[in-house]
Amino acid sequence: MLKVLAGAMLLGTGHVAIAHAADESPPLDPDSVKSGRAIYEQRCASCHGADARGAPNWQEPDERGELPAPPHNSQGHTWRHSDAMLYEMIAKGMRDPFNKTTRLTMPPFVDAMSPEQIRAVIAYLKTLWTPEQRAFQSEESRQQPSLSKSQ
């Protein structure tokens, strides 16, 4: 069972200060989170929503048989993926396996974002999840290969 969250505290200036107990997910770098939020707002919010709630009716296929952009907050499933998987999805784009079309429904950002920027977006997304979701995601990341600095 997780200990009491020493957790995330939103400061009046909009900065995020983050700490953790020994059995929780690792702390997030506040500068990386701040950068990731700005990048998310610029590159991701147009599809996933400024508040990360996803597209309307994101669980229902559209007229092409494609699922709209999912939420990245605690109501979605992003927290179920390891850092390595999230990195790959952002860098290479993805096609939801439930879609009826074969096109990438999320475009690749490998040419638009640096590896550091992709990692910053992932750090920001983690601030949108519950402590339990972050702990689960942290364990998923430990079980998969680590992201290299060159990735």
N, C-alpha and C. Protein backbone atom coordinates (compact mmCIF):
# COMPACT_ATOMS: atom_id res chain seq x y z
N MET A 1 0.84 -1.18 0.00
CA MET A 1 0.00 0.00 0.00
C MET A 1 0.89 1.24 0.00
N LEU A 2 0.47 2.23 -0.74
CA LEU A 2 1.26 3.45 -0.82
C LEU A 2 1.17 4.23 0.48
N LYS A 3 2.28 4.82 0.87
CA LYS A 3 2.28 5.69 2.03
C LYS A 3 1.61 6.99 1.68
N VAL A 4 1.43 7.84 2.65
CA VAL A 4 0.80 9.12 2.42
C VAL A 4 1.59 9.88 1.36
N LEU A 5 0.89 10.45 0.44
CA LEU A 5 1.53 11.19 -0.64
C LEU A 5 2.23 12.42 -0.09
N ALA A 6 3.51 12.52 -0.40
CA ALA A 6 4.25 13.70 -0.05
C ALA A 6 4.11 14.70 -1.20
N GLY A 7 3.67 14.23 -2.33
CA GLY A 7 3.24 14.56 -3.63
C GLY A 7 3.37 15.89 -4.29
N ALA A 8 2.49 16.13 -5.19
CA ALA A 8 2.55 17.31 -6.05
C ALA A 8 1.77 18.44 -5.44
N MET A 9 2.36 19.60 -5.42
CA MET A 9 1.71 20.76 -4.86
C MET A 9 1.77 21.87 -5.90
N LEU A 10 0.61 22.35 -6.30
CA LEU A 10 0.58 23.45 -7.25
C LEU A 10 0.80 24.75 -6.49
N LEU A 11 1.77 25.48 -6.92
CA LEU A 11 2.07 26.76 -6.29
C LEU A 11 1.30 27.86 -7.00
N GLY A 12 1.10 28.97 -6.33
CA GLY A 12 0.36 30.08 -6.90
C GLY A 12 0.92 30.58 -8.23
N THR A 13 2.19 30.35 -8.48
CA THR A 13 2.80 30.82 -9.72
C THR A 13 2.60 29.86 -10.87
N GLY A 14 1.95 28.72 -10.61
CA GLY A 14 1.75 27.75 -11.68
C GLY A 14 2.88 26.74 -11.77
N HIS A 15 3.88 26.84 -10.91
CA HIS A 15 4.97 25.87 -10.91
C HIS A 15 4.53 24.64 -10.15
N VAL A 16 5.15 23.53 -10.41
CA VAL A 16 4.82 22.30 -9.73
C VAL A 16 6.04 21.86 -8.93
N ALA A 17 5.82 21.66 -7.65
CA ALA A 17 6.88 21.13 -6.79
C ALA A 17 6.51 19.69 -6.49
N ILE A 18 7.44 18.77 -6.61
CA ILE A 18 7.10 17.36 -6.51
C ILE A 18 8.09 16.64 -5.60
N ALA A 19 7.55 15.86 -4.69
CA ALA A 19 8.36 15.02 -3.82
C ALA A 19 7.70 13.64 -3.79
N HIS A 20 8.34 12.68 -3.11
CA HIS A 20 7.73 11.36 -3.04
C HIS A 20 8.21 10.58 -1.83
N ALA A 21 7.42 9.59 -1.43
CA ALA A 21 7.83 8.65 -0.39
C ALA A 21 8.62 7.54 -1.05
N ALA A 22 9.29 6.75 -0.26
CA ALA A 22 10.20 5.73 -0.78
C ALA A 22 9.52 4.70 -1.69
N ASP A 23 8.25 4.37 -1.43
CA ASP A 23 7.60 3.34 -2.22
C ASP A 23 6.72 3.91 -3.33
N GLU A 24 6.88 5.16 -3.67
CA GLU A 24 6.10 5.78 -4.73
C GLU A 24 6.97 6.00 -5.96
N SER A 25 6.37 6.55 -6.98
CA SER A 25 7.10 6.81 -8.21
C SER A 25 8.17 7.87 -7.98
N PRO A 26 9.19 7.88 -8.83
CA PRO A 26 10.29 8.84 -8.66
C PRO A 26 9.80 10.28 -8.80
N PRO A 27 10.53 11.21 -8.19
CA PRO A 27 10.13 12.62 -8.30
C PRO A 27 10.31 13.12 -9.73
N LEU A 28 9.52 14.10 -10.08
CA LEU A 28 9.61 14.73 -11.39
C LEU A 28 10.34 16.05 -11.26
N ASP A 29 11.14 16.36 -12.26
CA ASP A 29 11.88 17.61 -12.28
C ASP A 29 10.91 18.75 -12.61
N PRO A 30 10.76 19.74 -11.72
CA PRO A 30 9.81 20.83 -11.97
C PRO A 30 10.08 21.58 -13.27
N ASP A 31 11.33 21.76 -13.64
CA ASP A 31 11.64 22.47 -14.89
C ASP A 31 11.21 21.65 -16.10
N SER A 32 11.39 20.34 -16.03
CA SER A 32 10.98 19.46 -17.11
C SER A 32 9.45 19.47 -17.23
N VAL A 33 8.76 19.44 -16.11
CA VAL A 33 7.30 19.48 -16.11
C VAL A 33 6.80 20.78 -16.72
N LYS A 34 7.40 21.89 -16.33
CA LYS A 34 6.99 23.19 -16.86
C LYS A 34 7.21 23.25 -18.37
N SER A 35 8.35 22.79 -18.82
CA SER A 35 8.67 22.75 -20.25
C SER A 35 7.70 21.81 -20.97
N GLY A 36 7.46 20.65 -20.39
CA GLY A 36 6.55 19.68 -20.99
C GLY A 36 5.14 20.21 -21.14
N ARG A 37 4.70 20.97 -20.16
CA ARG A 37 3.35 21.56 -20.25
C ARG A 37 3.27 22.53 -21.43
N ALA A 38 4.29 23.37 -21.58
CA ALA A 38 4.30 24.33 -22.69
C ALA A 38 4.33 23.61 -24.03
N ILE A 39 5.12 22.56 -24.13
CA ILE A 39 5.20 21.79 -25.38
C ILE A 39 3.87 21.09 -25.64
N TYR A 40 3.27 20.52 -24.59
CA TYR A 40 1.97 19.87 -24.73
C TYR A 40 0.95 20.88 -25.27
N GLU A 41 0.91 22.07 -24.69
CA GLU A 41 -0.04 23.08 -25.14
C GLU A 41 0.17 23.44 -26.61
N GLN A 42 1.42 23.45 -27.04
CA GLN A 42 1.74 23.81 -28.43
C GLN A 42 1.50 22.66 -29.39
N ARG A 43 1.87 21.44 -29.03
CA ARG A 43 1.89 20.32 -29.97
C ARG A 43 0.76 19.30 -29.79
N CYS A 44 0.20 19.19 -28.60
CA CYS A 44 -0.71 18.08 -28.31
C CYS A 44 -2.15 18.51 -28.03
N ALA A 45 -2.32 19.69 -27.46
CA ALA A 45 -3.65 20.13 -27.01
C ALA A 45 -4.68 20.24 -28.12
N SER A 46 -4.24 20.50 -29.34
CA SER A 46 -5.21 20.64 -30.43
C SER A 46 -5.99 19.34 -30.66
N CYS A 47 -5.42 18.21 -30.35
CA CYS A 47 -6.13 16.92 -30.50
C CYS A 47 -6.59 16.36 -29.15
N HIS A 48 -5.72 16.42 -28.14
CA HIS A 48 -6.00 15.79 -26.86
C HIS A 48 -6.67 16.74 -25.86
N GLY A 49 -6.82 18.01 -26.24
CA GLY A 49 -7.49 18.98 -25.38
C GLY A 49 -6.53 19.72 -24.48
N ALA A 50 -6.80 21.01 -24.29
CA ALA A 50 -5.95 21.83 -23.44
C ALA A 50 -5.92 21.29 -22.01
N ASP A 51 -7.00 20.67 -21.60
CA ASP A 51 -7.08 20.09 -20.25
C ASP A 51 -6.79 18.59 -20.24
N ALA A 52 -6.32 18.07 -21.38
CA ALA A 52 -5.94 16.66 -21.54
C ALA A 52 -7.11 15.69 -21.38
N ARG A 53 -8.33 16.17 -21.61
CA ARG A 53 -9.52 15.31 -21.48
C ARG A 53 -9.82 14.52 -22.75
N GLY A 54 -9.03 14.72 -23.79
CA GLY A 54 -9.24 13.99 -25.03
C GLY A 54 -10.31 14.63 -25.88
N ALA A 55 -10.49 14.08 -27.06
CA ALA A 55 -11.52 14.55 -27.98
C ALA A 55 -12.90 14.13 -27.46
N PRO A 56 -13.92 14.91 -27.81
CA PRO A 56 -15.28 14.48 -27.44
C PRO A 56 -15.56 13.09 -28.01
N ASN A 57 -16.27 12.30 -27.26
CA ASN A 57 -16.64 10.94 -27.69
C ASN A 57 -15.42 10.10 -28.09
N TRP A 58 -14.34 10.25 -27.35
CA TRP A 58 -13.09 9.58 -27.70
C TRP A 58 -13.17 8.06 -27.71
N GLN A 59 -14.19 7.49 -27.09
CA GLN A 59 -14.33 6.04 -27.07
C GLN A 59 -15.22 5.50 -28.19
N GLU A 60 -15.73 6.40 -29.03
CA GLU A 60 -16.62 6.01 -30.12
C GLU A 60 -15.93 6.26 -31.46
N PRO A 61 -15.87 5.27 -32.33
CA PRO A 61 -15.26 5.48 -33.65
C PRO A 61 -15.99 6.59 -34.43
N ASP A 62 -15.22 7.36 -35.17
CA ASP A 62 -15.81 8.42 -35.99
C ASP A 62 -16.31 7.84 -37.31
N GLU A 63 -16.69 8.70 -38.26
CA GLU A 63 -17.25 8.25 -39.54
C GLU A 63 -16.26 7.41 -40.36
N ARG A 64 -14.96 7.54 -40.10
CA ARG A 64 -13.95 6.73 -40.81
C ARG A 64 -13.64 5.42 -40.09
N GLY A 65 -14.24 5.25 -38.91
CA GLY A 65 -13.94 4.06 -38.12
C GLY A 65 -12.71 4.22 -37.26
N GLU A 66 -12.29 5.47 -37.01
CA GLU A 66 -11.11 5.74 -36.18
C GLU A 66 -11.53 6.29 -34.83
N LEU A 67 -10.81 5.86 -33.81
CA LEU A 67 -11.07 6.40 -32.48
C LEU A 67 -10.40 7.76 -32.35
N PRO A 68 -11.13 8.77 -31.88
CA PRO A 68 -10.54 10.09 -31.68
C PRO A 68 -9.45 10.06 -30.59
N ALA A 69 -8.73 11.16 -30.48
CA ALA A 69 -7.63 11.26 -29.52
C ALA A 69 -8.13 11.02 -28.09
N PRO A 70 -7.47 10.12 -27.36
CA PRO A 70 -7.89 9.82 -25.98
C PRO A 70 -7.39 10.87 -24.99
N PRO A 71 -7.96 10.85 -23.79
CA PRO A 71 -7.46 11.75 -22.75
C PRO A 71 -6.11 11.27 -22.22
N HIS A 72 -5.36 12.20 -21.68
CA HIS A 72 -4.09 11.85 -21.04
C HIS A 72 -4.14 12.06 -19.54
N ASN A 73 -5.30 12.48 -19.04
CA ASN A 73 -5.45 12.68 -17.60
C ASN A 73 -5.77 11.35 -16.93
N SER A 74 -6.21 11.39 -15.70
CA SER A 74 -6.46 10.16 -14.95
C SER A 74 -7.65 9.36 -15.50
N GLN A 75 -8.46 9.97 -16.34
CA GLN A 75 -9.62 9.28 -16.92
C GLN A 75 -9.25 8.43 -18.13
N GLY A 76 -8.07 8.63 -18.68
CA GLY A 76 -7.63 7.90 -19.87
C GLY A 76 -6.82 6.67 -19.50
N HIS A 77 -6.04 6.20 -20.44
CA HIS A 77 -5.23 5.00 -20.23
C HIS A 77 -3.74 5.24 -20.46
N THR A 78 -3.34 6.48 -20.67
CA THR A 78 -1.93 6.79 -20.92
C THR A 78 -1.04 6.27 -19.80
N TRP A 79 -1.52 6.36 -18.57
CA TRP A 79 -0.74 5.94 -17.40
C TRP A 79 -0.45 4.44 -17.39
N ARG A 80 -1.10 3.68 -18.24
CA ARG A 80 -0.86 2.24 -18.29
C ARG A 80 0.36 1.87 -19.15
N HIS A 81 0.95 2.85 -19.82
CA HIS A 81 2.08 2.61 -20.71
C HIS A 81 3.39 3.05 -20.06
N SER A 82 4.44 2.30 -20.31
CA SER A 82 5.76 2.64 -19.78
C SER A 82 6.29 3.91 -20.45
N ASP A 83 7.31 4.49 -19.85
CA ASP A 83 7.97 5.65 -20.45
C ASP A 83 8.47 5.32 -21.85
N ALA A 84 9.06 4.14 -22.02
CA ALA A 84 9.59 3.75 -23.32
C ALA A 84 8.48 3.66 -24.37
N MET A 85 7.33 3.11 -24.00
CA MET A 85 6.21 3.00 -24.92
C MET A 85 5.65 4.39 -25.26
N LEU A 86 5.51 5.24 -24.26
CA LEU A 86 5.01 6.60 -24.51
C LEU A 86 5.97 7.36 -25.42
N TYR A 87 7.27 7.20 -25.17
CA TYR A 87 8.27 7.86 -26.01
C TYR A 87 8.11 7.42 -27.46
N GLU A 88 7.98 6.12 -27.66
CA GLU A 88 7.85 5.58 -29.01
C GLU A 88 6.58 6.09 -29.69
N MET A 89 5.48 6.13 -28.96
CA MET A 89 4.22 6.62 -29.53
C MET A 89 4.35 8.08 -29.98
N ILE A 90 4.98 8.89 -29.15
CA ILE A 90 5.13 10.31 -29.49
C ILE A 90 6.10 10.47 -30.65
N ALA A 91 7.22 9.79 -30.58
CA ALA A 91 8.25 9.94 -31.62
C ALA A 91 7.79 9.38 -32.96
N LYS A 92 7.24 8.19 -32.96
CA LYS A 92 6.92 7.50 -34.22
C LYS A 92 5.46 7.63 -34.66
N GLY A 93 4.62 8.19 -33.79
CA GLY A 93 3.20 8.23 -34.10
C GLY A 93 2.59 6.87 -33.84
N MET A 94 1.29 6.77 -34.03
CA MET A 94 0.66 5.47 -33.82
C MET A 94 -0.67 5.36 -34.53
N ARG A 95 -1.05 4.15 -34.73
CA ARG A 95 -2.36 3.79 -35.26
C ARG A 95 -3.02 2.93 -34.20
N ASP A 96 -4.18 3.37 -33.72
CA ASP A 96 -4.89 2.58 -32.73
C ASP A 96 -5.27 1.24 -33.37
N PRO A 97 -4.99 0.12 -32.72
CA PRO A 97 -5.29 -1.18 -33.33
C PRO A 97 -6.78 -1.42 -33.53
N PHE A 98 -7.63 -0.64 -32.89
CA PHE A 98 -9.07 -0.78 -33.06
C PHE A 98 -9.60 0.00 -34.25
N ASN A 99 -8.76 0.85 -34.85
CA ASN A 99 -9.21 1.64 -35.99
C ASN A 99 -9.43 0.78 -37.22
N LYS A 100 -10.37 1.18 -38.03
CA LYS A 100 -10.67 0.44 -39.27
C LYS A 100 -9.76 0.88 -40.42
N THR A 101 -9.11 2.03 -40.28
CA THR A 101 -8.19 2.50 -41.31
C THR A 101 -6.78 2.07 -40.94
N THR A 102 -5.87 2.19 -41.89
CA THR A 102 -4.48 1.78 -41.64
C THR A 102 -3.55 2.96 -41.40
N ARG A 103 -4.06 4.18 -41.52
CA ARG A 103 -3.20 5.35 -41.36
C ARG A 103 -2.84 5.59 -39.90
N LEU A 104 -1.74 6.31 -39.70
CA LEU A 104 -1.38 6.74 -38.35
C LEU A 104 -2.38 7.81 -37.93
N THR A 105 -3.07 7.57 -36.84
CA THR A 105 -4.02 8.57 -36.37
C THR A 105 -3.37 9.57 -35.42
N MET A 106 -2.21 9.22 -34.90
CA MET A 106 -1.39 10.19 -34.17
C MET A 106 -0.12 10.37 -34.98
N PRO A 107 0.16 11.60 -35.39
CA PRO A 107 1.34 11.82 -36.23
C PRO A 107 2.63 11.64 -35.44
N PRO A 108 3.71 11.31 -36.13
CA PRO A 108 5.02 11.22 -35.47
C PRO A 108 5.57 12.62 -35.19
N PHE A 109 6.23 12.77 -34.07
CA PHE A 109 6.81 14.06 -33.69
C PHE A 109 8.33 14.02 -33.66
N VAL A 110 8.93 12.96 -34.17
CA VAL A 110 10.38 12.80 -34.12
C VAL A 110 11.11 13.95 -34.81
N ASP A 111 10.51 14.51 -35.85
CA ASP A 111 11.14 15.63 -36.56
C ASP A 111 10.74 16.99 -36.01
N ALA A 112 9.75 17.01 -35.12
CA ALA A 112 9.25 18.27 -34.58
C ALA A 112 9.67 18.52 -33.14
N MET A 113 10.09 17.45 -32.46
CA MET A 113 10.45 17.56 -31.04
C MET A 113 11.77 16.84 -30.80
N SER A 114 12.60 17.42 -29.95
CA SER A 114 13.85 16.78 -29.57
C SER A 114 13.55 15.66 -28.56
N PRO A 115 14.49 14.74 -28.37
CA PRO A 115 14.30 13.71 -27.34
C PRO A 115 14.00 14.32 -25.97
N GLU A 116 14.69 15.40 -25.62
CA GLU A 116 14.46 16.06 -24.34
C GLU A 116 13.02 16.60 -24.26
N GLN A 117 12.52 17.16 -25.35
CA GLN A 117 11.16 17.68 -25.36
C GLN A 117 10.13 16.56 -25.22
N ILE A 118 10.37 15.44 -25.86
CA ILE A 118 9.46 14.29 -25.73
C ILE A 118 9.43 13.82 -24.29
N ARG A 119 10.61 13.70 -23.67
CA ARG A 119 10.66 13.28 -22.26
C ARG A 119 9.98 14.31 -21.36
N ALA A 120 10.08 15.59 -21.68
CA ALA A 120 9.42 16.63 -20.89
C ALA A 120 7.90 16.51 -20.98
N VAL A 121 7.38 16.22 -22.16
CA VAL A 121 5.93 16.02 -22.31
C VAL A 121 5.49 14.83 -21.46
N ILE A 122 6.25 13.76 -21.47
CA ILE A 122 5.91 12.59 -20.65
C ILE A 122 5.91 12.98 -19.17
N ALA A 123 6.89 13.76 -18.74
CA ALA A 123 6.93 14.21 -17.35
C ALA A 123 5.68 15.02 -17.01
N TYR A 124 5.28 15.91 -17.90
CA TYR A 124 4.07 16.70 -17.66
C TYR A 124 2.84 15.81 -17.55
N LEU A 125 2.71 14.84 -18.45
CA LEU A 125 1.54 13.95 -18.41
C LEU A 125 1.42 13.25 -17.06
N LYS A 126 2.54 12.91 -16.47
CA LYS A 126 2.52 12.22 -15.18
C LYS A 126 1.89 13.05 -14.08
N THR A 127 1.92 14.37 -14.23
CA THR A 127 1.31 15.25 -13.21
C THR A 127 -0.21 15.22 -13.28
N LEU A 128 -0.77 14.62 -14.32
CA LEU A 128 -2.22 14.58 -14.52
C LEU A 128 -2.85 13.30 -13.95
N TRP A 129 -2.02 12.42 -13.42
CA TRP A 129 -2.49 11.12 -12.94
C TRP A 129 -2.57 11.08 -11.43
N THR A 130 -3.33 10.12 -10.91
CA THR A 130 -3.41 9.92 -9.46
C THR A 130 -2.08 9.32 -8.97
N PRO A 131 -1.81 9.41 -7.67
CA PRO A 131 -0.59 8.78 -7.15
C PRO A 131 -0.54 7.28 -7.44
N GLU A 132 -1.67 6.62 -7.38
CA GLU A 132 -1.70 5.18 -7.66
C GLU A 132 -1.39 4.92 -9.14
N GLN A 133 -1.91 5.74 -10.02
CA GLN A 133 -1.61 5.58 -11.44
C GLN A 133 -0.13 5.84 -11.72
N ARG A 134 0.43 6.86 -11.09
CA ARG A 134 1.87 7.13 -11.27
C ARG A 134 2.71 5.96 -10.77
N ALA A 135 2.32 5.39 -9.64
CA ALA A 135 3.08 4.25 -9.11
C ALA A 135 2.99 3.06 -10.06
N PHE A 136 1.81 2.79 -10.61
CA PHE A 136 1.64 1.71 -11.57
C PHE A 136 2.51 1.97 -12.80
N GLN A 137 2.45 3.18 -13.33
CA GLN A 137 3.21 3.54 -14.53
C GLN A 137 4.71 3.45 -14.26
N SER A 138 5.12 3.85 -13.10
CA SER A 138 6.54 3.77 -12.73
C SER A 138 7.01 2.31 -12.74
N GLU A 139 6.18 1.42 -12.23
CA GLU A 139 6.53 0.00 -12.23
C GLU A 139 6.57 -0.55 -13.66
N GLU A 140 5.62 -0.14 -14.50
CA GLU A 140 5.64 -0.54 -15.91
C GLU A 140 6.95 -0.10 -16.56
N SER A 141 7.38 1.12 -16.25
CA SER A 141 8.62 1.65 -16.83
C SER A 141 9.84 0.89 -16.34
N ARG A 142 9.82 0.47 -15.08
CA ARG A 142 10.95 -0.31 -14.55
C ARG A 142 11.05 -1.67 -15.22
N GLN A 143 9.92 -2.22 -15.66
CA GLN A 143 9.91 -3.54 -16.27
C GLN A 143 10.31 -3.51 -17.74
N GLN A 144 10.32 -2.34 -18.35
CA GLN A 144 10.72 -2.20 -19.76
C GLN A 144 12.07 -1.50 -19.81
N PRO A 145 12.78 -1.65 -20.92
CA PRO A 145 14.08 -1.00 -21.04
C PRO A 145 13.98 0.51 -20.82
N SER A 146 14.99 1.05 -20.20
CA SER A 146 15.03 2.49 -19.93
C SER A 146 15.22 3.26 -21.22
N LEU A 147 14.76 4.50 -21.19
CA LEU A 147 14.99 5.39 -22.30
C LEU A 147 16.44 5.84 -22.27
N SER A 148 17.11 5.74 -23.37
CA SER A 148 18.48 6.25 -23.43
C SER A 148 18.45 7.74 -23.65
N LYS A 149 19.51 8.40 -23.30
CA LYS A 149 19.59 9.86 -23.49
C LYS A 149 19.57 10.24 -24.97
N SER A 150 19.95 9.29 -25.83
CA SER A 150 19.95 9.60 -27.27
C SER A 150 18.56 9.42 -27.88
N GLN A 151 17.68 8.77 -27.15
CA GLN A 151 16.34 8.52 -27.67
C GLN A 151 15.47 9.73 -27.54
